[in-house]
């Protein structure tokens, strides 16, 4: 679950936020918590581009899942308006967002598993 969630989050939402595309995002990126669109984009970049990498390899898994979970929850609550069924403005990704939230919450609770760098470290300690 950790590899699949990290890979899909990176490929679907992270790759589009790579530095080559920053100018496109800065022009219209939302500011849901009032910190400004540039800091909000930086938070989303870390959540969608950086955090999936430790999720995939299993290093700092719970921290990466917590950070991504927080960002995606804020996006779901303030940008997508807690939409689930795809009705209304900003609700076109509601079901996908809920699936990410569920997967990240499961990873946060269950941990990285034995086949991870965190698992190797915990066995050695």
PDB file of N, CA and C in Angstrom:
ATOM      1  N   UNK A   1       0.830  -1.188   0.000  1.00  0.00           N
ATOM      2  CA  UNK A   1       0.000   0.000   0.000  1.00  0.00           C
ATOM      3  C   UNK A   1       0.875   1.253   0.000  1.00  0.00           C
ATOM      4  N   UNK A   2       1.967   1.205   0.748  1.00  0.00           N
ATOM      5  CA  UNK A   2       2.833   2.377   0.840  1.00  0.00           C
ATOM      6  C   UNK A   2       3.484   2.682  -0.508  1.00  0.00           C
ATOM      7  N   UNK A   3       3.938   1.662  -1.212  1.00  0.00           N
ATOM      8  CA  UNK A   3       4.586   1.864  -2.518  1.00  0.00           C
ATOM      9  C   UNK A   3       3.563   2.356  -3.538  1.00  0.00           C
ATOM     10  N   UNK A   4       2.401   1.716  -3.566  1.00  0.00           N
ATOM     11  CA  UNK A   4       1.361   2.092  -4.535  1.00  0.00           C
ATOM     12  C   UNK A   4       0.875   3.523  -4.299  1.00  0.00           C
ATOM     13  N   UNK A   5       0.602   3.852  -3.048  1.00  0.00           N
ATOM     14  CA  UNK A   5       0.116   5.194  -2.730  1.00  0.00           C
ATOM     15  C   UNK A   5       1.174   6.241  -3.044  1.00  0.00           C
ATOM     16  N   UNK A   6       2.407   5.989  -2.640  1.00  0.00           N
ATOM     17  CA  UNK A   6       3.487   6.935  -2.926  1.00  0.00           C
ATOM     18  C   UNK A   6       3.713   7.122  -4.413  1.00  0.00           C
ATOM     19  N   UNK A   7       3.697   6.017  -5.155  1.00  0.00           N
ATOM     20  CA  UNK A   7       3.938   6.096  -6.599  1.00  0.00           C
ATOM     21  C   UNK A   7       2.815   6.850  -7.315  1.00  0.00           C
ATOM     22  N   UNK A   8       1.573   6.553  -6.965  1.00  0.00           N
ATOM     23  CA  UNK A   8       0.477   7.251  -7.648  1.00  0.00           C
ATOM     24  C   UNK A   8       0.415   8.719  -7.248  1.00  0.00           C
ATOM     25  N   UNK A   9       0.690   9.016  -5.983  1.00  0.00           N
ATOM     26  CA  UNK A   9       0.708  10.418  -5.552  1.00  0.00           C
ATOM     27  C   UNK A   9       1.801  11.184  -6.293  1.00  0.00           C
ATOM     28  N   UNK A  10       2.970  10.580  -6.425  1.00  0.00           N
ATOM     29  CA  UNK A  10       4.080  11.229  -7.124  1.00  0.00           C
ATOM     30  C   UNK A  10       3.773  11.394  -8.613  1.00  0.00           C
ATOM     31  N   UNK A  11       3.312  10.324  -9.252  1.00  0.00           N
ATOM     32  CA  UNK A  11       3.095  10.379 -10.697  1.00  0.00           C
ATOM     33  C   UNK A  11       1.906  11.244 -11.089  1.00  0.00           C
ATOM     34  N   UNK A  12       0.844  11.233 -10.281  1.00  0.00           N
ATOM     35  CA  UNK A  12      -0.356  11.981 -10.639  1.00  0.00           C
ATOM     36  C   UNK A  12      -0.318  13.435 -10.177  1.00  0.00           C
ATOM     37  N   UNK A  13       0.215  13.687  -8.985  1.00  0.00           N
ATOM     38  CA  UNK A  13       0.171  15.039  -8.440  1.00  0.00           C
ATOM     39  C   UNK A  13       1.547  15.657  -8.242  1.00  0.00           C
ATOM     40  N   UNK A  14       2.560  14.867  -8.024  1.00  0.00           N
ATOM     41  CA  UNK A  14       3.892  15.399  -7.778  1.00  0.00           C
ATOM     42  C   UNK A  14       4.649  15.771  -9.037  1.00  0.00           C
ATOM     43  N   UNK A  15       4.582  14.898 -10.037  1.00  0.00           N
ATOM     44  CA  UNK A  15       5.360  15.135 -11.247  1.00  0.00           C
ATOM     45  C   UNK A  15       4.957  16.430 -11.939  1.00  0.00           C
ATOM     46  N   UNK A  16       3.689  16.772 -11.871  1.00  0.00           N
ATOM     47  CA  UNK A  16       3.226  18.015 -12.492  1.00  0.00           C
ATOM     48  C   UNK A  16       3.736  19.248 -11.745  1.00  0.00           C
ATOM     49  N   UNK A  17       4.200  19.068 -10.515  1.00  0.00           N
ATOM     50  CA  UNK A  17       4.710  20.185  -9.715  1.00  0.00           C
ATOM     51  C   UNK A  17       6.237  20.273  -9.745  1.00  0.00           C
ATOM     52  N   UNK A  18       6.861  19.588 -10.660  1.00  0.00           N
ATOM     53  CA  UNK A  18       8.314  19.657 -10.738  1.00  0.00           C
ATOM     54  C   UNK A  18       8.753  21.086 -11.059  1.00  0.00           C
ATOM     55  N   UNK A  19       9.978  21.434 -10.693  1.00  0.00           N
ATOM     56  CA  UNK A  19      10.428  22.826 -10.848  1.00  0.00           C
ATOM     57  C   UNK A  19      10.265  23.415 -12.249  1.00  0.00           C
ATOM     58  N   UNK A  20      10.287  22.614 -13.278  1.00  0.00           N
ATOM     59  CA  UNK A  20      10.129  23.143 -14.637  1.00  0.00           C
ATOM     60  C   UNK A  20       8.745  23.743 -14.867  1.00  0.00           C
ATOM     61  N   UNK A  21       7.761  23.346 -14.073  1.00  0.00           N
ATOM     62  CA  UNK A  21       6.384  23.818 -14.258  1.00  0.00           C
ATOM     63  C   UNK A  21       5.946  24.826 -13.201  1.00  0.00           C
ATOM     64  N   UNK A  22       6.845  25.308 -12.382  1.00  0.00           N
ATOM     65  CA  UNK A  22       6.467  26.176 -11.274  1.00  0.00           C
ATOM     66  C   UNK A  22       5.780  27.457 -11.732  1.00  0.00           C
ATOM     67  N   UNK A  23       6.220  28.043 -12.808  1.00  0.00           N
ATOM     68  CA  UNK A  23       5.622  29.303 -13.266  1.00  0.00           C
ATOM     69  C   UNK A  23       4.140  29.114 -13.591  1.00  0.00           C
ATOM     70  N   UNK A  24       3.789  27.973 -14.185  1.00  0.00           N
ATOM     71  CA  UNK A  24       2.388  27.694 -14.500  1.00  0.00           C
ATOM     72  C   UNK A  24       1.547  27.598 -13.227  1.00  0.00           C
ATOM     73  N   UNK A  25       2.071  26.943 -12.220  1.00  0.00           N
ATOM     74  CA  UNK A  25       1.320  26.760 -10.977  1.00  0.00           C
ATOM     75  C   UNK A  25       1.216  28.051 -10.170  1.00  0.00           C
ATOM     76  N   UNK A  26       2.275  28.823 -10.138  1.00  0.00           N
ATOM     77  CA  UNK A  26       2.265  30.044  -9.332  1.00  0.00           C
ATOM     78  C   UNK A  26       1.206  31.032  -9.814  1.00  0.00           C
ATOM     79  N   UNK A  27       0.873  30.989 -11.086  1.00  0.00           N
ATOM     80  CA  UNK A  27      -0.087  31.942 -11.638  1.00  0.00           C
ATOM     81  C   UNK A  27      -1.500  31.727 -11.108  1.00  0.00           C
ATOM     82  N   UNK A  28      -1.845  30.488 -10.724  1.00  0.00           N
ATOM     83  CA  UNK A  28      -3.229  30.223 -10.322  1.00  0.00           C
ATOM     84  C   UNK A  28      -3.352  29.305  -9.106  1.00  0.00           C
ATOM     85  N   UNK A  29      -2.298  29.137  -8.337  1.00  0.00           N
ATOM     86  CA  UNK A  29      -2.370  28.202  -7.217  1.00  0.00           C
ATOM     87  C   UNK A  29      -3.212  28.775  -6.085  1.00  0.00           C
ATOM     88  N   UNK A  30      -4.103  27.972  -5.498  1.00  0.00           N
ATOM     89  CA  UNK A  30      -4.970  28.482  -4.430  1.00  0.00           C
ATOM     90  C   UNK A  30      -4.214  28.758  -3.140  1.00  0.00           C
ATOM     91  N   UNK A  31      -4.821  29.554  -2.287  1.00  0.00           N
ATOM     92  CA  UNK A  31      -4.249  29.930  -0.993  1.00  0.00           C
ATOM     93  C   UNK A  31      -5.266  29.572   0.096  1.00  0.00           C
ATOM     94  N   UNK A  32      -5.447  28.271   0.383  1.00  0.00           N
ATOM     95  CA  UNK A  32      -6.555  27.870   1.248  1.00  0.00           C
ATOM     96  C   UNK A  32      -6.413  28.232   2.721  1.00  0.00           C
ATOM     97  N   UNK A  33      -5.188  28.390   3.218  1.00  0.00           N
ATOM     98  CA  UNK A  33      -5.027  28.665   4.654  1.00  0.00           C
ATOM     99  C   UNK A  33      -4.467  30.059   4.922  1.00  0.00           C
ATOM    100  N   UNK A  34      -4.417  30.899   3.903  1.00  0.00           N
ATOM    101  CA  UNK A  34      -4.041  32.289   4.088  1.00  0.00           C
ATOM    102  C   UNK A  34      -2.562  32.566   4.278  1.00  0.00           C
ATOM    103  N   UNK A  35      -1.689  31.692   3.793  1.00  0.00           N
ATOM    104  CA  UNK A  35      -0.250  31.928   3.924  1.00  0.00           C
ATOM    105  C   UNK A  35       0.342  32.537   2.663  1.00  0.00           C
ATOM    106  N   UNK A  36      -0.450  32.664   1.625  1.00  0.00           N
ATOM    107  CA  UNK A  36       0.020  33.155   0.335  1.00  0.00           C
ATOM    108  C   UNK A  36       0.119  31.998  -0.642  1.00  0.00           C
ATOM    109  N   UNK A  37      -0.007  32.300  -1.918  1.00  0.00           N
ATOM    110  CA  UNK A  37      -0.013  31.218  -2.906  1.00  0.00           C
ATOM    111  C   UNK A  37       1.362  30.578  -3.077  1.00  0.00           C
ATOM    112  N   UNK A  38       2.430  31.340  -2.920  1.00  0.00           N
ATOM    113  CA  UNK A  38       3.770  30.758  -3.055  1.00  0.00           C
ATOM    114  C   UNK A  38       4.082  29.794  -1.916  1.00  0.00           C
ATOM    115  N   UNK A  39       3.889  30.166  -0.638  1.00  0.00           N
ATOM    116  CA  UNK A  39       4.103  29.186   0.435  1.00  0.00           C
ATOM    117  C   UNK A  39       3.140  27.996   0.352  1.00  0.00           C
ATOM    118  N   UNK A  40       1.902  28.244  -0.058  1.00  0.00           N
ATOM    119  CA  UNK A  40       0.945  27.146  -0.202  1.00  0.00           C
ATOM    120  C   UNK A  40       1.410  26.172  -1.273  1.00  0.00           C
ATOM    121  N   UNK A  41       1.954  26.701  -2.367  1.00  0.00           N
ATOM    122  CA  UNK A  41       2.492  25.825  -3.407  1.00  0.00           C
ATOM    123  C   UNK A  41       3.693  25.048  -2.888  1.00  0.00           C
ATOM    124  N   UNK A  42       4.556  25.682  -2.120  1.00  0.00           N
ATOM    125  CA  UNK A  42       5.721  24.990  -1.571  1.00  0.00           C
ATOM    126  C   UNK A  42       5.281  23.844  -0.650  1.00  0.00           C
ATOM    127  N   UNK A  43       4.264  24.079   0.160  1.00  0.00           N
ATOM    128  CA  UNK A  43       3.725  23.024   1.029  1.00  0.00           C
ATOM    129  C   UNK A  43       3.191  21.872   0.179  1.00  0.00           C
ATOM    130  N   UNK A  44       2.454  22.190  -0.875  1.00  0.00           N
ATOM    131  CA  UNK A  44       1.909  21.161  -1.757  1.00  0.00           C
ATOM    132  C   UNK A  44       3.023  20.438  -2.513  1.00  0.00           C
ATOM    133  N   UNK A  45       4.058  21.161  -2.904  1.00  0.00           N
ATOM    134  CA  UNK A  45       5.198  20.543  -3.598  1.00  0.00           C
ATOM    135  C   UNK A  45       5.873  19.505  -2.705  1.00  0.00           C
ATOM    136  N   UNK A  46       6.129  19.870  -1.461  1.00  0.00           N
ATOM    137  CA  UNK A  46       6.754  18.915  -0.532  1.00  0.00           C
ATOM    138  C   UNK A  46       5.841  17.707  -0.331  1.00  0.00           C
ATOM    139  N   UNK A  47       4.543  17.951  -0.196  1.00  0.00           N
ATOM    140  CA  UNK A  47       3.589  16.873   0.028  1.00  0.00           C
ATOM    141  C   UNK A  47       3.482  15.934  -1.170  1.00  0.00           C
ATOM    142  N   UNK A  48       3.439  16.470  -2.375  1.00  0.00           N
ATOM    143  CA  UNK A  48       3.150  15.674  -3.562  1.00  0.00           C
ATOM    144  C   UNK A  48       4.384  15.230  -4.338  1.00  0.00           C
ATOM    145  N   UNK A  49       5.491  15.945  -4.217  1.00  0.00           N
ATOM    146  CA  UNK A  49       6.697  15.607  -4.971  1.00  0.00           C
ATOM    147  C   UNK A  49       7.770  14.995  -4.081  1.00  0.00           C
ATOM    148  N   UNK A  50       7.940  15.518  -2.875  1.00  0.00           N
ATOM    149  CA  UNK A  50       9.023  15.054  -1.998  1.00  0.00           C
ATOM    150  C   UNK A  50       8.572  13.881  -1.130  1.00  0.00           C
ATOM    151  N   UNK A  51       7.450  14.002  -0.439  1.00  0.00           N
ATOM    152  CA  UNK A  51       6.995  12.964   0.504  1.00  0.00           C
ATOM    153  C   UNK A  51       6.736  11.597  -0.129  1.00  0.00           C
ATOM    154  N   UNK A  52       6.281  11.504  -1.367  1.00  0.00           N
ATOM    155  CA  UNK A  52       6.102  10.165  -1.936  1.00  0.00           C
ATOM    156  C   UNK A  52       7.392   9.357  -2.051  1.00  0.00           C
ATOM    157  N   UNK A  53       8.514  10.016  -2.186  1.00  0.00           N
ATOM    158  CA  UNK A  53       9.780   9.287  -2.328  1.00  0.00           C
ATOM    159  C   UNK A  53      10.116   8.521  -1.047  1.00  0.00           C
ATOM    160  N   UNK A  54      10.101   9.157   0.158  1.00  0.00           N
ATOM    161  CA  UNK A  54      10.309   8.348   1.359  1.00  0.00           C
ATOM    162  C   UNK A  54       9.190   7.336   1.598  1.00  0.00           C
ATOM    163  N   UNK A  55       7.977   7.629   1.143  1.00  0.00           N
ATOM    164  CA  UNK A  55       6.908   6.638   1.259  1.00  0.00           C
ATOM    165  C   UNK A  55       7.245   5.391   0.455  1.00  0.00           C
ATOM    166  N   UNK A  56       7.704   5.579  -0.754  1.00  0.00           N
ATOM    167  CA  UNK A  56       8.015   4.450  -1.629  1.00  0.00           C
ATOM    168  C   UNK A  56       9.146   3.606  -1.056  1.00  0.00           C
ATOM    169  N   UNK A  57      10.221   4.255  -0.596  1.00  0.00           N
ATOM    170  CA  UNK A  57      11.357   3.475  -0.095  1.00  0.00           C
ATOM    171  C   UNK A  57      11.196   3.072   1.368  1.00  0.00           C
ATOM    172  N   UNK A  58      10.256   3.670   2.056  1.00  0.00           N
ATOM    173  CA  UNK A  58       9.997   3.293   3.437  1.00  0.00           C
ATOM    174  C   UNK A  58      10.959   3.909   4.429  1.00  0.00           C
ATOM    175  N   UNK A  59      11.307   5.147   4.237  1.00  0.00           N
ATOM    176  CA  UNK A  59      12.214   5.854   5.146  1.00  0.00           C
ATOM    177  C   UNK A  59      11.483   7.069   5.715  1.00  0.00           C
ATOM    178  N   UNK A  60      11.297   7.101   7.027  1.00  0.00           N
ATOM    179  CA  UNK A  60      10.511   8.170   7.630  1.00  0.00           C
ATOM    180  C   UNK A  60       9.072   8.108   7.162  1.00  0.00           C
ATOM    181  N   UNK A  61       8.591   6.899   7.014  1.00  0.00           N
ATOM    182  CA  UNK A  61       7.300   6.656   6.383  1.00  0.00           C
ATOM    183  C   UNK A  61       6.150   7.347   7.092  1.00  0.00           C
ATOM    184  N   UNK A  62       6.081   7.201   8.386  1.00  0.00           N
ATOM    185  CA  UNK A  62       4.952   7.801   9.111  1.00  0.00           C
ATOM    186  C   UNK A  62       4.990   9.321   9.037  1.00  0.00           C
ATOM    187  N   UNK A  63       6.154   9.922   9.090  1.00  0.00           N
ATOM    188  CA  UNK A  63       6.262  11.387   8.990  1.00  0.00           C
ATOM    189  C   UNK A  63       5.842  11.859   7.603  1.00  0.00           C
ATOM    190  N   UNK A  64       6.304  11.154   6.561  1.00  0.00           N
ATOM    191  CA  UNK A  64       5.926  11.519   5.194  1.00  0.00           C
ATOM    192  C   UNK A  64       4.420  11.353   4.997  1.00  0.00           C
ATOM    193  N   UNK A  65       3.849  10.263   5.528  1.00  0.00           N
ATOM    194  CA  UNK A  65       2.409  10.040   5.403  1.00  0.00           C
ATOM    195  C   UNK A  65       1.630  11.107   6.159  1.00  0.00           C
ATOM    196  N   UNK A  66       2.104  11.486   7.337  1.00  0.00           N
ATOM    197  CA  UNK A  66       1.427  12.518   8.124  1.00  0.00           C
ATOM    198  C   UNK A  66       1.440  13.858   7.400  1.00  0.00           C
ATOM    199  N   UNK A  67       2.577  14.239   6.845  1.00  0.00           N
ATOM    200  CA  UNK A  67       2.683  15.514   6.124  1.00  0.00           C
ATOM    201  C   UNK A  67       1.747  15.523   4.913  1.00  0.00           C
ATOM    202  N   UNK A  68       1.803  14.446   4.112  1.00  0.00           N
ATOM    203  CA  UNK A  68       0.956  14.377   2.922  1.00  0.00           C
ATOM    204  C   UNK A  68      -0.518  14.322   3.313  1.00  0.00           C
ATOM    205  N   UNK A  69      -0.846  13.588   4.370  1.00  0.00           N
ATOM    206  CA  UNK A  69      -2.223  13.509   4.851  1.00  0.00           C
ATOM    207  C   UNK A  69      -2.732  14.895   5.252  1.00  0.00           C
ATOM    208  N   UNK A  70      -1.926  15.650   5.964  1.00  0.00           N
ATOM    209  CA  UNK A  70      -2.323  16.998   6.372  1.00  0.00           C
ATOM    210  C   UNK A  70      -2.572  17.903   5.184  1.00  0.00           C
ATOM    211  N   UNK A  71      -1.680  17.874   4.220  1.00  0.00           N
ATOM    212  CA  UNK A  71      -1.841  18.733   3.049  1.00  0.00           C
ATOM    213  C   UNK A  71      -3.064  18.328   2.230  1.00  0.00           C
ATOM    214  N   UNK A  72      -3.237  17.042   2.017  1.00  0.00           N
ATOM    215  CA  UNK A  72      -4.364  16.587   1.209  1.00  0.00           C
ATOM    216  C   UNK A  72      -5.684  16.857   1.931  1.00  0.00           C
ATOM    217  N   UNK A  73      -5.694  16.738   3.255  1.00  0.00           N
ATOM    218  CA  UNK A  73      -6.905  17.058   3.999  1.00  0.00           C
ATOM    219  C   UNK A  73      -7.259  18.538   3.861  1.00  0.00           C
ATOM    220  N   UNK A  74      -6.262  19.411   3.948  1.00  0.00           N
ATOM    221  CA  UNK A  74      -6.517  20.845   3.772  1.00  0.00           C
ATOM    222  C   UNK A  74      -7.045  21.118   2.369  1.00  0.00           C
ATOM    223  N   UNK A  75      -6.456  20.481   1.360  1.00  0.00           N
ATOM    224  CA  UNK A  75      -6.934  20.668  -0.015  1.00  0.00           C
ATOM    225  C   UNK A  75      -8.367  20.176  -0.156  1.00  0.00           C
ATOM    226  N   UNK A  76      -8.671  19.037   0.438  1.00  0.00           N
ATOM    227  CA  UNK A  76     -10.029  18.486   0.356  1.00  0.00           C
ATOM    228  C   UNK A  76     -11.031  19.390   1.068  1.00  0.00           C
ATOM    229  N   UNK A  77     -10.657  19.895   2.226  1.00  0.00           N
ATOM    230  CA  UNK A  77     -11.583  20.710   3.015  1.00  0.00           C
ATOM    231  C   UNK A  77     -11.777  22.106   2.424  1.00  0.00           C
ATOM    232  N   UNK A  78     -10.699  22.760   2.021  1.00  0.00           N
ATOM    233  CA  UNK A  78     -10.784  24.167   1.633  1.00  0.00           C
ATOM    234  C   UNK A  78     -10.828  24.423   0.128  1.00  0.00           C
ATOM    235  N   UNK A  79     -10.286  23.515  -0.668  1.00  0.00           N
ATOM    236  CA  UNK A  79     -10.293  23.715  -2.120  1.00  0.00           C
ATOM    237  C   UNK A  79     -11.425  22.913  -2.761  1.00  0.00           C
ATOM    238  N   UNK A  80     -11.560  21.656  -2.351  1.00  0.00           N
ATOM    239  CA  UNK A  80     -12.597  20.790  -2.924  1.00  0.00           C
ATOM    240  C   UNK A  80     -13.886  20.808  -2.109  1.00  0.00           C
ATOM    241  N   UNK A  81     -13.906  21.542  -1.016  1.00  0.00           N
ATOM    242  CA  UNK A  81     -15.099  21.760  -0.192  1.00  0.00           C
ATOM    243  C   UNK A  81     -15.747  20.460   0.291  1.00  0.00           C
ATOM    244  N   UNK A  82     -14.913  19.533   0.733  1.00  0.00           N
ATOM    245  CA  UNK A  82     -15.308  18.247   1.303  1.00  0.00           C
ATOM    246  C   UNK A  82     -16.261  17.497   0.358  1.00  0.00           C
ATOM    247  N   UNK A  83     -16.036  17.669  -0.929  1.00  0.00           N
ATOM    248  CA  UNK A  83     -16.877  17.019  -1.932  1.00  0.00           C
ATOM    249  C   UNK A  83     -16.431  15.576  -2.115  1.00  0.00           C
ATOM    250  N   UNK A  84     -17.372  14.726  -2.376  1.00  0.00           N
ATOM    251  CA  UNK A  84     -17.059  13.319  -2.599  1.00  0.00           C
ATOM    252  C   UNK A  84     -17.647  12.808  -3.901  1.00  0.00           C
ATOM    253  N   UNK A  85     -18.844  13.223  -4.237  1.00  0.00           N
ATOM    254  CA  UNK A  85     -19.541  12.661  -5.375  1.00  0.00           C
ATOM    255  C   UNK A  85     -19.350  13.422  -6.679  1.00  0.00           C
ATOM    256  N   UNK A  86     -18.586  14.492  -6.701  1.00  0.00           N
ATOM    257  CA  UNK A  86     -18.295  15.188  -7.938  1.00  0.00           C
ATOM    258  C   UNK A  86     -19.363  16.137  -8.412  1.00  0.00           C
ATOM    259  N   UNK A  87     -20.096  16.730  -7.498  1.00  0.00           N
ATOM    260  CA  UNK A  87     -21.119  17.694  -7.882  1.00  0.00           C
ATOM    261  C   UNK A  87     -20.724  19.075  -7.358  1.00  0.00           C
ATOM    262  N   UNK A  88     -20.694  20.051  -8.219  1.00  0.00           N
ATOM    263  CA  UNK A  88     -20.369  21.402  -7.811  1.00  0.00           C
ATOM    264  C   UNK A  88     -18.941  21.772  -8.176  1.00  0.00           C
ATOM    265  N   UNK A  89     -18.610  23.064  -8.017  1.00  0.00           N
ATOM    266  CA  UNK A  89     -17.272  23.535  -8.379  1.00  0.00           C
ATOM    267  C   UNK A  89     -16.211  22.994  -7.429  1.00  0.00           C
ATOM    268  N   UNK A  90     -15.078  22.592  -7.995  1.00  0.00           N
ATOM    269  CA  UNK A  90     -13.965  22.116  -7.193  1.00  0.00           C
ATOM    270  C   UNK A  90     -14.136  20.717  -6.635  1.00  0.00           C
ATOM    271  N   UNK A  91     -15.148  19.985  -7.091  1.00  0.00           N
ATOM    272  CA  UNK A  91     -15.416  18.666  -6.528  1.00  0.00           C
ATOM    273  C   UNK A  91     -15.086  17.535  -7.490  1.00  0.00           C
ATOM    274  N   UNK A  92     -14.378  17.838  -8.546  1.00  0.00           N
ATOM    275  CA  UNK A  92     -14.100  16.831  -9.556  1.00  0.00           C
ATOM    276  C   UNK A  92     -13.100  15.772  -9.097  1.00  0.00           C
ATOM    277  N   UNK A  93     -12.385  15.990  -8.013  1.00  0.00           N
ATOM    278  CA  UNK A  93     -11.415  15.022  -7.513  1.00  0.00           C
ATOM    279  C   UNK A  93     -11.799  14.464  -6.148  1.00  0.00           C
ATOM    280  N   UNK A  94     -13.036  14.638  -5.732  1.00  0.00           N
ATOM    281  CA  UNK A  94     -13.446  14.272  -4.389  1.00  0.00           C
ATOM    282  C   UNK A  94     -13.190  12.828  -4.030  1.00  0.00           C
ATOM    283  N   UNK A  95     -13.576  11.905  -4.901  1.00  0.00           N
ATOM    284  CA  UNK A  95     -13.398  10.489  -4.603  1.00  0.00           C
ATOM    285  C   UNK A  95     -11.923  10.132  -4.521  1.00  0.00           C
ATOM    286  N   UNK A  96     -11.120  10.645  -5.438  1.00  0.00           N
ATOM    287  CA  UNK A  96      -9.686  10.375  -5.426  1.00  0.00           C
ATOM    288  C   UNK A  96      -9.038  10.909  -4.159  1.00  0.00           C
ATOM    289  N   UNK A  97      -9.426  12.084  -3.740  1.00  0.00           N
ATOM    290  CA  UNK A  97      -8.874  12.678  -2.520  1.00  0.00           C
ATOM    291  C   UNK A  97      -9.219  11.819  -1.309  1.00  0.00           C
ATOM    292  N   UNK A  98     -10.448  11.326  -1.243  1.00  0.00           N
ATOM    293  CA  UNK A  98     -10.856  10.480  -0.124  1.00  0.00           C
ATOM    294  C   UNK A  98     -10.061   9.169  -0.126  1.00  0.00           C
ATOM    295  N   UNK A  99      -9.789   8.622  -1.285  1.00  0.00           N
ATOM    296  CA  UNK A  99      -8.974   7.405  -1.361  1.00  0.00           C
ATOM    297  C   UNK A  99      -7.550   7.662  -0.877  1.00  0.00           C
ATOM    298  N   UNK A 100      -6.958   8.786  -1.280  1.00  0.00           N
ATOM    299  CA  UNK A 100      -5.625   9.142  -0.776  1.00  0.00           C
ATOM    300  C   UNK A 100      -5.640   9.318   0.741  1.00  0.00           C
ATOM    301  N   UNK A 101      -6.663   9.997   1.249  1.00  0.00           N
ATOM    302  CA  UNK A 101      -6.764  10.200   2.695  1.00  0.00           C
ATOM    303  C   UNK A 101      -6.835   8.865   3.430  1.00  0.00           C
ATOM    304  N   UNK A 102      -7.641   7.945   2.939  1.00  0.00           N
ATOM    305  CA  UNK A 102      -7.755   6.633   3.569  1.00  0.00           C
ATOM    306  C   UNK A 102      -6.464   5.846   3.521  1.00  0.00           C
ATOM    307  N   UNK A 103      -5.797   5.856   2.375  1.00  0.00           N
ATOM    308  CA  UNK A 103      -4.537   5.117   2.240  1.00  0.00           C
ATOM    309  C   UNK A 103      -3.449   5.719   3.126  1.00  0.00           C
ATOM    310  N   UNK A 104      -3.342   7.034   3.146  1.00  0.00           N
ATOM    311  CA  UNK A 104      -2.318   7.674   3.975  1.00  0.00           C
ATOM    312  C   UNK A 104      -2.599   7.484   5.460  1.00  0.00           C
ATOM    313  N   UNK A 105      -3.857   7.502   5.849  1.00  0.00           N
ATOM    314  CA  UNK A 105      -4.200   7.244   7.245  1.00  0.00           C
ATOM    315  C   UNK A 105      -3.854   5.800   7.627  1.00  0.00           C
ATOM    316  N   UNK A 106      -4.122   4.859   6.734  1.00  0.00           N
ATOM    317  CA  UNK A 106      -3.762   3.459   6.996  1.00  0.00           C
ATOM    318  C   UNK A 106      -2.257   3.286   7.126  1.00  0.00           C
ATOM    319  N   UNK A 107      -1.488   3.950   6.269  1.00  0.00           N
ATOM    320  CA  UNK A 107      -0.025   3.882   6.352  1.00  0.00           C
ATOM    321  C   UNK A 107       0.457   4.514   7.648  1.00  0.00           C
ATOM    322  N   UNK A 108      -0.139   5.630   8.028  1.00  0.00           N
ATOM    323  CA  UNK A 108       0.231   6.304   9.271  1.00  0.00           C
ATOM    324  C   UNK A 108      -0.015   5.387  10.476  1.00  0.00           C
ATOM    325  N   UNK A 109      -1.131   4.692  10.490  1.00  0.00           N
ATOM    326  CA  UNK A 109      -1.468   3.820  11.613  1.00  0.00           C
ATOM    327  C   UNK A 109      -0.653   2.525  11.585  1.00  0.00           C
ATOM    328  N   UNK A 110      -0.585   1.882  10.419  1.00  0.00           N
ATOM    329  CA  UNK A 110       0.059   0.569  10.312  1.00  0.00           C
ATOM    330  C   UNK A 110       1.582   0.647  10.261  1.00  0.00           C
ATOM    331  N   UNK A 111       2.105   1.741   9.771  1.00  0.00           N
ATOM    332  CA  UNK A 111       3.551   1.862   9.645  1.00  0.00           C
ATOM    333  C   UNK A 111       4.039   1.357   8.303  1.00  0.00           C
ATOM    334  N   UNK A 112       5.341   1.332   8.120  1.00  0.00           N
ATOM    335  CA  UNK A 112       5.907   1.042   6.809  1.00  0.00           C
ATOM    336  C   UNK A 112       5.934  -0.431   6.425  1.00  0.00           C
ATOM    337  N   UNK A 113       5.886  -1.328   7.393  1.00  0.00           N
ATOM    338  CA  UNK A 113       5.989  -2.748   7.098  1.00  0.00           C
ATOM    339  C   UNK A 113       7.435  -3.214   7.154  1.00  0.00           C
ATOM    340  N   UNK A 114       7.609  -4.527   7.066  1.00  0.00           N
ATOM    341  CA  UNK A 114       8.940  -5.123   7.198  1.00  0.00           C
ATOM    342  C   UNK A 114       9.828  -4.836   5.986  1.00  0.00           C
ATOM    343  N   UNK A 115       9.216  -4.728   4.801  1.00  0.00           N
ATOM    344  CA  UNK A 115       9.990  -4.499   3.581  1.00  0.00           C
ATOM    345  C   UNK A 115      10.187  -3.000   3.364  1.00  0.00           C
ATOM    346  N   UNK A 116      10.907  -2.384   4.270  1.00  0.00           N
ATOM    347  CA  UNK A 116      11.172  -0.948   4.184  1.00  0.00           C
ATOM    348  C   UNK A 116      12.475  -0.646   4.905  1.00  0.00           C
ATOM    349  N   UNK A 117      13.009   0.520   4.659  1.00  0.00           N
ATOM    350  CA  UNK A 117      14.223   0.929   5.370  1.00  0.00           C
ATOM    351  C   UNK A 117      13.915   1.114   6.846  1.00  0.00           C
ATOM    352  N   UNK A 118      12.766   1.673   7.173  1.00  0.00           N
ATOM    353  CA  UNK A 118      12.352   1.791   8.584  1.00  0.00           C
ATOM    354  C   UNK A 118      12.262   0.422   9.231  1.00  0.00           C
ATOM    355  N   UNK A 119      11.742  -0.567   8.510  1.00  0.00           N
ATOM    356  CA  UNK A 119      11.642  -1.924   9.043  1.00  0.00           C
ATOM    357  C   UNK A 119      13.004  -2.529   9.315  1.00  0.00           C
ATOM    358  N   UNK A 120      13.955  -2.279   8.437  1.00  0.00           N
ATOM    359  CA  UNK A 120      15.324  -2.781   8.642  1.00  0.00           C
ATOM    360  C   UNK A 120      15.946  -2.126   9.871  1.00  0.00           C
ATOM    361  N   UNK A 121      15.773  -0.812   9.996  1.00  0.00           N
ATOM    362  CA  UNK A 121      16.313  -0.110  11.162  1.00  0.00           C
ATOM    363  C   UNK A 121      15.686  -0.608  12.464  1.00  0.00           C
ATOM    364  N   UNK A 122      14.390  -0.842  12.458  1.00  0.00           N
ATOM    365  CA  UNK A 122      13.737  -1.281  13.688  1.00  0.00           C
ATOM    366  C   UNK A 122      14.162  -2.692  14.074  1.00  0.00           C
ATOM    367  N   UNK A 123      14.460  -3.560  13.117  1.00  0.00           N
ATOM    368  CA  UNK A 123      14.945  -4.905  13.438  1.00  0.00           C
ATOM    369  C   UNK A 123      16.352  -4.863  14.012  1.00  0.00           C
ATOM    370  N   UNK A 124      17.183  -3.949  13.545  1.00  0.00           N
ATOM    371  CA  UNK A 124      18.566  -3.855  14.019  1.00  0.00           C
ATOM    372  C   UNK A 124      18.658  -3.216  15.392  1.00  0.00           C
ATOM    373  N   UNK A 125      17.691  -2.369  15.723  1.00  0.00           N
ATOM    374  CA  UNK A 125      17.703  -1.728  17.042  1.00  0.00           C
ATOM    375  C   UNK A 125      17.070  -2.647  18.023  1.00  0.00           C
TER     376      UNK A 125
END
